[in-house]
Amino acid sequence: MATVNVSLPDPMKDWVEAQARTGRYSNASDDVRDLIRRDQERYAKLAELQALVTEGIESGISTRSKDDIRRLSKETAMTRKA
């Protein structure tokens, strides 16, 4: 495992150390690794959402009516619940 030295302002350093003292993390490094993992997951979700938005924009203007879109949306939602 590689080592990286990170400088933190005192309040952040205190926070990280406090998390380890609570027992939630075994040490400060575990806390920082968890923060990075969560940031990676968040970034992946945002990238997926952006891809869906881009796909929607590139698909052009729909010929469906508002009522058709609502009905299809409700049908899709009901299918996913089942």
PDB file of N, CA and C in Angstrom:
ATOM      1  N   MET A   1       0.847  -1.165   0.000  1.00  0.00           N
ATOM      2  CA  MET A   1       0.000   0.000   0.000  1.00  0.00           C
ATOM      3  C   MET A   1       0.897   1.233   0.000  1.00  0.00           C
ATOM      4  N   ALA A   2       0.543   2.210  -0.835  1.00  0.00           N
ATOM      5  CA  ALA A   2       1.318   3.441  -0.934  1.00  0.00           C
ATOM      6  C   ALA A   2       0.995   4.363   0.238  1.00  0.00           C
ATOM      7  N   THR A   3       1.926   5.230   0.542  1.00  0.00           N
ATOM      8  CA  THR A   3       1.738   6.208   1.607  1.00  0.00           C
ATOM      9  C   THR A   3       1.679   7.592   0.997  1.00  0.00           C
ATOM     10  N   VAL A   4       0.722   8.394   1.473  1.00  0.00           N
ATOM     11  CA  VAL A   4       0.582   9.774   1.030  1.00  0.00           C
ATOM     12  C   VAL A   4       0.497  10.644   2.271  1.00  0.00           C
ATOM     13  N   ASN A   5       1.255  11.699   2.295  1.00  0.00           N
ATOM     14  CA  ASN A   5       1.189  12.649   3.403  1.00  0.00           C
ATOM     15  C   ASN A   5       0.253  13.779   3.004  1.00  0.00           C
ATOM     16  N   VAL A   6      -0.689  14.093   3.879  1.00  0.00           N
ATOM     17  CA  VAL A   6      -1.673  15.131   3.607  1.00  0.00           C
ATOM     18  C   VAL A   6      -1.638  16.133   4.745  1.00  0.00           C
ATOM     19  N   SER A   7      -1.610  17.404   4.385  1.00  0.00           N
ATOM     20  CA  SER A   7      -1.665  18.463   5.399  1.00  0.00           C
ATOM     21  C   SER A   7      -3.106  18.880   5.590  1.00  0.00           C
ATOM     22  N   LEU A   8      -3.534  18.943   6.857  1.00  0.00           N
ATOM     23  CA  LEU A   8      -4.899  19.336   7.177  1.00  0.00           C
ATOM     24  C   LEU A   8      -4.874  20.509   8.152  1.00  0.00           C
ATOM     25  N   PRO A   9      -5.848  21.386   8.027  1.00  0.00           N
ATOM     26  CA  PRO A   9      -5.980  22.416   9.074  1.00  0.00           C
ATOM     27  C   PRO A   9      -6.324  21.723  10.394  1.00  0.00           C
ATOM     28  N   ASP A  10      -5.981  22.358  11.492  1.00  0.00           N
ATOM     29  CA  ASP A  10      -6.200  21.742  12.807  1.00  0.00           C
ATOM     30  C   ASP A  10      -7.627  21.241  13.026  1.00  0.00           C
ATOM     31  N   PRO A  11      -8.668  22.004  12.659  1.00  0.00           N
ATOM     32  CA  PRO A  11     -10.028  21.481  12.889  1.00  0.00           C
ATOM     33  C   PRO A  11     -10.305  20.180  12.131  1.00  0.00           C
ATOM     34  N   MET A  12      -9.785  20.063  10.923  1.00  0.00           N
ATOM     35  CA  MET A  12      -9.977  18.821  10.167  1.00  0.00           C
ATOM     36  C   MET A  12      -9.188  17.680  10.785  1.00  0.00           C
ATOM     37  N   LYS A  13      -7.976  17.939  11.185  1.00  0.00           N
ATOM     38  CA  LYS A  13      -7.143  16.925  11.838  1.00  0.00           C
ATOM     39  C   LYS A  13      -7.841  16.442  13.115  1.00  0.00           C
ATOM     40  N   ASP A  14      -8.369  17.374  13.891  1.00  0.00           N
ATOM     41  CA  ASP A  14      -9.083  17.012  15.115  1.00  0.00           C
ATOM     42  C   ASP A  14     -10.293  16.132  14.806  1.00  0.00           C
ATOM     43  N   TRP A  15     -11.018  16.470  13.735  1.00  0.00           N
ATOM     44  CA  TRP A  15     -12.195  15.691  13.338  1.00  0.00           C
ATOM     45  C   TRP A  15     -11.803  14.262  12.993  1.00  0.00           C
ATOM     46  N   VAL A  16     -10.781  14.105  12.159  1.00  0.00           N
ATOM     47  CA  VAL A  16     -10.339  12.774  11.735  1.00  0.00           C
ATOM     48  C   VAL A  16      -9.897  11.950  12.946  1.00  0.00           C
ATOM     49  N   GLU A  17      -9.133  12.554  13.819  1.00  0.00           N
ATOM     50  CA  GLU A  17      -8.672  11.839  15.010  1.00  0.00           C
ATOM     51  C   GLU A  17      -9.849  11.480  15.926  1.00  0.00           C
ATOM     52  N   ALA A  18     -10.836  12.356  16.013  1.00  0.00           N
ATOM     53  CA  ALA A  18     -12.012  12.079  16.850  1.00  0.00           C
ATOM     54  C   ALA A  18     -12.797  10.893  16.297  1.00  0.00           C
ATOM     55  N   GLN A  19     -12.869  10.771  14.981  1.00  0.00           N
ATOM     56  CA  GLN A  19     -13.573   9.640  14.382  1.00  0.00           C
ATOM     57  C   GLN A  19     -12.897   8.327  14.754  1.00  0.00           C
ATOM     58  N   ALA A  20     -11.591   8.331  14.783  1.00  0.00           N
ATOM     59  CA  ALA A  20     -10.863   7.117  15.175  1.00  0.00           C
ATOM     60  C   ALA A  20     -11.096   6.814  16.660  1.00  0.00           C
ATOM     61  N   ARG A  21     -11.161   7.839  17.481  1.00  0.00           N
ATOM     62  CA  ARG A  21     -11.370   7.621  18.921  1.00  0.00           C
ATOM     63  C   ARG A  21     -12.762   7.057  19.222  1.00  0.00           C
ATOM     64  N   THR A  22     -13.738   7.342  18.375  1.00  0.00           N
ATOM     65  CA  THR A  22     -15.085   6.824  18.618  1.00  0.00           C
ATOM     66  C   THR A  22     -15.160   5.323  18.393  1.00  0.00           C
ATOM     67  N   GLY A  23     -14.165   4.782  17.711  1.00  0.00           N
ATOM     68  CA  GLY A  23     -14.175   3.357  17.407  1.00  0.00           C
ATOM     69  C   GLY A  23     -14.781   3.053  16.047  1.00  0.00           C
ATOM     70  N   ARG A  24     -15.319   4.061  15.412  1.00  0.00           N
ATOM     71  CA  ARG A  24     -15.895   3.850  14.074  1.00  0.00           C
ATOM     72  C   ARG A  24     -14.802   3.438  13.085  1.00  0.00           C
ATOM     73  N   TYR A  25     -13.623   4.008  13.260  1.00  0.00           N
ATOM     74  CA  TYR A  25     -12.462   3.669  12.434  1.00  0.00           C
ATOM     75  C   TYR A  25     -11.327   3.281  13.361  1.00  0.00           C
ATOM     76  N   SER A  26     -10.490   2.374  12.878  1.00  0.00           N
ATOM     77  CA  SER A  26      -9.390   1.932  13.742  1.00  0.00           C
ATOM     78  C   SER A  26      -8.283   2.979  13.824  1.00  0.00           C
ATOM     79  N   ASN A  27      -8.192   3.832  12.810  1.00  0.00           N
ATOM     80  CA  ASN A  27      -7.200   4.910  12.830  1.00  0.00           C
ATOM     81  C   ASN A  27      -7.594   5.981  11.817  1.00  0.00           C
ATOM     82  N   ALA A  28      -6.840   7.060  11.786  1.00  0.00           N
ATOM     83  CA  ALA A  28      -7.144   8.179  10.893  1.00  0.00           C
ATOM     84  C   ALA A  28      -7.095   7.756   9.427  1.00  0.00           C
ATOM     85  N   SER A  29      -6.189   6.859   9.087  1.00  0.00           N
ATOM     86  CA  SER A  29      -6.085   6.420   7.700  1.00  0.00           C
ATOM     87  C   SER A  29      -7.356   5.716   7.234  1.00  0.00           C
ATOM     88  N   ASP A  30      -7.956   4.900   8.093  1.00  0.00           N
ATOM     89  CA  ASP A  30      -9.213   4.224   7.735  1.00  0.00           C
ATOM     90  C   ASP A  30     -10.307   5.245   7.438  1.00  0.00           C
ATOM     91  N   ASP A  31     -10.366   6.301   8.241  1.00  0.00           N
ATOM     92  CA  ASP A  31     -11.360   7.347   8.031  1.00  0.00           C
ATOM     93  C   ASP A  31     -11.142   8.021   6.679  1.00  0.00           C
ATOM     94  N   VAL A  32      -9.918   8.389   6.393  1.00  0.00           N
ATOM     95  CA  VAL A  32      -9.610   9.062   5.126  1.00  0.00           C
ATOM     96  C   VAL A  32      -9.895   8.135   3.946  1.00  0.00           C
ATOM     97  N   ARG A  33      -9.534   6.855   4.057  1.00  0.00           N
ATOM     98  CA  ARG A  33      -9.828   5.907   2.972  1.00  0.00           C
ATOM     99  C   ARG A  33     -11.334   5.806   2.735  1.00  0.00           C
ATOM    100  N   ASP A  34     -12.118   5.790   3.820  1.00  0.00           N
ATOM    101  CA  ASP A  34     -13.573   5.728   3.680  1.00  0.00           C
ATOM    102  C   ASP A  34     -14.104   6.981   2.990  1.00  0.00           C
ATOM    103  N   LEU A  35     -13.577   8.130   3.347  1.00  0.00           N
ATOM    104  CA  LEU A  35     -13.995   9.380   2.698  1.00  0.00           C
ATOM    105  C   LEU A  35     -13.693   9.346   1.203  1.00  0.00           C
ATOM    106  N   ILE A  36     -12.527   8.833   0.848  1.00  0.00           N
ATOM    107  CA  ILE A  36     -12.146   8.751  -0.567  1.00  0.00           C
ATOM    108  C   ILE A  36     -13.053   7.773  -1.298  1.00  0.00           C
ATOM    109  N   ARG A  37     -13.334   6.612  -0.695  1.00  0.00           N
ATOM    110  CA  ARG A  37     -14.237   5.638  -1.327  1.00  0.00           C
ATOM    111  C   ARG A  37     -15.611   6.251  -1.580  1.00  0.00           C
ATOM    112  N   ARG A  38     -16.139   6.955  -0.577  1.00  0.00           N
ATOM    113  CA  ARG A  38     -17.453   7.581  -0.746  1.00  0.00           C
ATOM    114  C   ARG A  38     -17.424   8.664  -1.819  1.00  0.00           C
ATOM    115  N   ASP A  39     -16.330   9.397  -1.911  1.00  0.00           N
ATOM    116  CA  ASP A  39     -16.197  10.411  -2.948  1.00  0.00           C
ATOM    117  C   ASP A  39     -16.132   9.759  -4.330  1.00  0.00           C
ATOM    118  N   GLN A  40     -15.430   8.637  -4.423  1.00  0.00           N
ATOM    119  CA  GLN A  40     -15.365   7.906  -5.701  1.00  0.00           C
ATOM    120  C   GLN A  40     -16.755   7.416  -6.110  1.00  0.00           C
ATOM    121  N   GLU A  41     -17.514   6.890  -5.163  1.00  0.00           N
ATOM    122  CA  GLU A  41     -18.872   6.419  -5.454  1.00  0.00           C
ATOM    123  C   GLU A  41     -19.760   7.577  -5.895  1.00  0.00           C
ATOM    124  N   ARG A  42     -19.650   8.705  -5.210  1.00  0.00           N
ATOM    125  CA  ARG A  42     -20.442   9.888  -5.563  1.00  0.00           C
ATOM    126  C   ARG A  42     -20.092  10.355  -6.966  1.00  0.00           C
ATOM    127  N   TYR A  43     -18.816  10.384  -7.294  1.00  0.00           N
ATOM    128  CA  TYR A  43     -18.384  10.810  -8.616  1.00  0.00           C
ATOM    129  C   TYR A  43     -18.918   9.855  -9.683  1.00  0.00           C
ATOM    130  N   ALA A  44     -18.885   8.564  -9.414  1.00  0.00           N
ATOM    131  CA  ALA A  44     -19.398   7.576 -10.381  1.00  0.00           C
ATOM    132  C   ALA A  44     -20.890   7.776 -10.612  1.00  0.00           C
ATOM    133  N   LYS A  45     -21.640   8.050  -9.539  1.00  0.00           N
ATOM    134  CA  LYS A  45     -23.082   8.290  -9.678  1.00  0.00           C
ATOM    135  C   LYS A  45     -23.345   9.560 -10.478  1.00  0.00           C
ATOM    136  N   LEU A  46     -22.567  10.607 -10.218  1.00  0.00           N
ATOM    137  CA  LEU A  46     -22.727  11.846 -10.974  1.00  0.00           C
ATOM    138  C   LEU A  46     -22.392  11.641 -12.445  1.00  0.00           C
ATOM    139  N   ALA A  47     -21.351  10.868 -12.721  1.00  0.00           N
ATOM    140  CA  ALA A  47     -20.972  10.591 -14.109  1.00  0.00           C
ATOM    141  C   ALA A  47     -22.075   9.810 -14.811  1.00  0.00           C
ATOM    142  N   GLU A  48     -22.687   8.858 -14.117  1.00  0.00           N
ATOM    143  CA  GLU A  48     -23.786   8.091 -14.689  1.00  0.00           C
ATOM    144  C   GLU A  48     -24.990   8.997 -14.969  1.00  0.00           C
ATOM    145  N   LEU A  49     -25.301   9.875 -14.021  1.00  0.00           N
ATOM    146  CA  LEU A  49     -26.407  10.805 -14.201  1.00  0.00           C
ATOM    147  C   LEU A  49     -26.141  11.739 -15.377  1.00  0.00           C
ATOM    148  N   GLN A  50     -24.907  12.237 -15.473  1.00  0.00           N
ATOM    149  CA  GLN A  50     -24.561  13.123 -16.584  1.00  0.00           C
ATOM    150  C   GLN A  50     -24.691  12.404 -17.916  1.00  0.00           C
ATOM    151  N   ALA A  51     -24.305  11.133 -17.964  1.00  0.00           N
ATOM    152  CA  ALA A  51     -24.442  10.348 -19.194  1.00  0.00           C
ATOM    153  C   ALA A  51     -25.914  10.201 -19.581  1.00  0.00           C
ATOM    154  N   LEU A  52     -26.781   9.996 -18.595  1.00  0.00           N
ATOM    155  CA  LEU A  52     -28.213   9.886 -18.872  1.00  0.00           C
ATOM    156  C   LEU A  52     -28.787  11.209 -19.368  1.00  0.00           C
ATOM    157  N   VAL A  53     -28.349  12.315 -18.771  1.00  0.00           N
ATOM    158  CA  VAL A  53     -28.806  13.631 -19.210  1.00  0.00           C
ATOM    159  C   VAL A  53     -28.356  13.886 -20.645  1.00  0.00           C
ATOM    160  N   THR A  54     -27.106  13.585 -20.931  1.00  0.00           N
ATOM    161  CA  THR A  54     -26.580  13.762 -22.289  1.00  0.00           C
ATOM    162  C   THR A  54     -27.339  12.904 -23.285  1.00  0.00           C
ATOM    163  N   GLU A  55     -27.618  11.663 -22.910  1.00  0.00           N
ATOM    164  CA  GLU A  55     -28.376  10.761 -23.774  1.00  0.00           C
ATOM    165  C   GLU A  55     -29.760  11.347 -24.061  1.00  0.00           C
ATOM    166  N   GLY A  56     -30.391  11.890 -23.021  1.00  0.00           N
ATOM    167  CA  GLY A  56     -31.707  12.491 -23.198  1.00  0.00           C
ATOM    168  C   GLY A  56     -31.670  13.696 -24.122  1.00  0.00           C
ATOM    169  N   ILE A  57     -30.686  14.545 -23.941  1.00  0.00           N
ATOM    170  CA  ILE A  57     -30.565  15.726 -24.788  1.00  0.00           C
ATOM    171  C   ILE A  57     -30.305  15.335 -26.239  1.00  0.00           C
ATOM    172  N   GLU A  58     -29.416  14.362 -26.425  1.00  0.00           N
ATOM    173  CA  GLU A  58     -29.058  13.943 -27.777  1.00  0.00           C
ATOM    174  C   GLU A  58     -30.164  13.154 -28.468  1.00  0.00           C
ATOM    175  N   SER A  59     -31.139  12.658 -27.711  1.00  0.00           N
ATOM    176  CA  SER A  59     -32.206  11.862 -28.317  1.00  0.00           C
ATOM    177  C   SER A  59     -33.208  12.733 -29.064  1.00  0.00           C
ATOM    178  N   GLY A  60     -33.154  14.030 -28.838  1.00  0.00           N
ATOM    179  CA  GLY A  60     -34.031  14.934 -29.567  1.00  0.00           C
ATOM    180  C   GLY A  60     -35.351  15.156 -28.862  1.00  0.00           C
ATOM    181  N   ILE A  61     -36.242  15.812 -29.574  1.00  0.00           N
ATOM    182  CA  ILE A  61     -37.553  16.167 -29.025  1.00  0.00           C
ATOM    183  C   ILE A  61     -38.515  15.010 -29.236  1.00  0.00           C
ATOM    184  N   SER A  62     -39.238  14.677 -28.191  1.00  0.00           N
ATOM    185  CA  SER A  62     -40.187  13.566 -28.243  1.00  0.00           C
ATOM    186  C   SER A  62     -41.434  13.956 -29.028  1.00  0.00           C
ATOM    187  N   THR A  63     -42.007  12.978 -29.683  1.00  0.00           N
ATOM    188  CA  THR A  63     -43.276  13.184 -30.383  1.00  0.00           C
ATOM    189  C   THR A  63     -44.452  12.759 -29.502  1.00  0.00           C
ATOM    190  N   ARG A  64     -44.157  12.252 -28.299  1.00  0.00           N
ATOM    191  CA  ARG A  64     -45.215  11.808 -27.391  1.00  0.00           C
ATOM    192  C   ARG A  64     -45.889  13.006 -26.731  1.00  0.00           C
ATOM    193  N   SER A  65     -47.155  12.835 -26.383  1.00  0.00           N
ATOM    194  CA  SER A  65     -47.868  13.884 -25.654  1.00  0.00           C
ATOM    195  C   SER A  65     -47.500  13.799 -24.173  1.00  0.00           C
ATOM    196  N   LYS A  66     -47.842  14.848 -23.419  1.00  0.00           N
ATOM    197  CA  LYS A  66     -47.587  14.842 -21.972  1.00  0.00           C
ATOM    198  C   LYS A  66     -48.327  13.678 -21.310  1.00  0.00           C
ATOM    199  N   ASP A  67     -49.546  13.424 -21.754  1.00  0.00           N
ATOM    200  CA  ASP A  67     -50.325  12.319 -21.186  1.00  0.00           C
ATOM    201  C   ASP A  67     -49.665  10.972 -21.467  1.00  0.00           C
ATOM    202  N   ASP A  68     -49.135  10.801 -22.678  1.00  0.00           N
ATOM    203  CA  ASP A  68     -48.435   9.558 -23.022  1.00  0.00           C
ATOM    204  C   ASP A  68     -47.210   9.368 -22.129  1.00  0.00           C
ATOM    205  N   ILE A  69     -46.493  10.439 -21.921  1.00  0.00           N
ATOM    206  CA  ILE A  69     -45.271  10.367 -21.100  1.00  0.00           C
ATOM    207  C   ILE A  69     -45.637  10.028 -19.653  1.00  0.00           C
ATOM    208  N   ARG A  70     -46.693  10.661 -19.116  1.00  0.00           N
ATOM    209  CA  ARG A  70     -47.124  10.355 -17.740  1.00  0.00           C
ATOM    210  C   ARG A  70     -47.539   8.891 -17.610  1.00  0.00           C
ATOM    211  N   ARG A  71     -48.331   8.417 -18.581  1.00  0.00           N
ATOM    212  CA  ARG A  71     -48.810   7.032 -18.539  1.00  0.00           C
ATOM    213  C   ARG A  71     -47.622   6.060 -18.599  1.00  0.00           C
ATOM    214  N   LEU A  72     -46.709   6.304 -19.512  1.00  0.00           N
ATOM    215  CA  LEU A  72     -45.540   5.435 -19.646  1.00  0.00           C
ATOM    216  C   LEU A  72     -44.703   5.461 -18.364  1.00  0.00           C
ATOM    217  N   SER A  73     -44.566   6.649 -17.773  1.00  0.00           N
ATOM    218  CA  SER A  73     -43.801   6.782 -16.535  1.00  0.00           C
ATOM    219  C   SER A  73     -44.438   5.969 -15.409  1.00  0.00           C
ATOM    220  N   LYS A  74     -45.755   6.056 -15.292  1.00  0.00           N
ATOM    221  CA  LYS A  74     -46.463   5.290 -14.242  1.00  0.00           C
ATOM    222  C   LYS A  74     -46.344   3.793 -14.495  1.00  0.00           C
ATOM    223  N   GLU A  75     -46.462   3.386 -15.741  1.00  0.00           N
ATOM    224  CA  GLU A  75     -46.332   1.963 -16.075  1.00  0.00           C
ATOM    225  C   GLU A  75     -44.922   1.458 -15.740  1.00  0.00           C
ATOM    226  N   THR A  76     -43.939   2.258 -16.068  1.00  0.00           N
ATOM    227  CA  THR A  76     -42.546   1.873 -15.772  1.00  0.00           C
ATOM    228  C   THR A  76     -42.326   1.767 -14.277  1.00  0.00           C
ATOM    229  N   ALA A  77     -42.862   2.728 -13.527  1.00  0.00           N
ATOM    230  CA  ALA A  77     -42.712   2.705 -12.069  1.00  0.00           C
ATOM    231  C   ALA A  77     -43.377   1.477 -11.461  1.00  0.00           C
ATOM    232  N   MET A  78     -44.559   1.127 -11.947  1.00  0.00           N
ATOM    233  CA  MET A  78     -45.266  -0.037 -11.426  1.00  0.00           C
ATOM    234  C   MET A  78     -44.512  -1.333 -11.761  1.00  0.00           C
ATOM    235  N   THR A  79     -43.920  -1.385 -12.925  1.00  0.00           N
ATOM    236  CA  THR A  79     -43.144  -2.569 -13.320  1.00  0.00           C
ATOM    237  C   THR A  79     -41.927  -2.741 -12.432  1.00  0.00           C
ATOM    238  N   ARG A  80     -41.281  -1.651 -12.095  1.00  0.00           N
ATOM    239  CA  ARG A  80     -40.075  -1.700 -11.254  1.00  0.00           C
ATOM    240  C   ARG A  80     -40.402  -2.104  -9.822  1.00  0.00           C
ATOM    241  N   LYS A  81     -41.595  -1.770  -9.350  1.00  0.00           N
ATOM    242  CA  LYS A  81     -41.990  -2.133  -7.979  1.00  0.00           C
ATOM    243  C   LYS A  81     -42.271  -3.623  -7.870  1.00  0.00           C
ATOM    244  N   ALA A  82     -42.692  -4.236  -8.975  1.00  0.00           N
ATOM    245  CA  ALA A  82     -43.085  -5.646  -8.943  1.00  0.00           C
ATOM    246  C   ALA A  82     -41.916  -6.570  -8.859  1.00  0.00           C
TER     247      ALA A  82
END
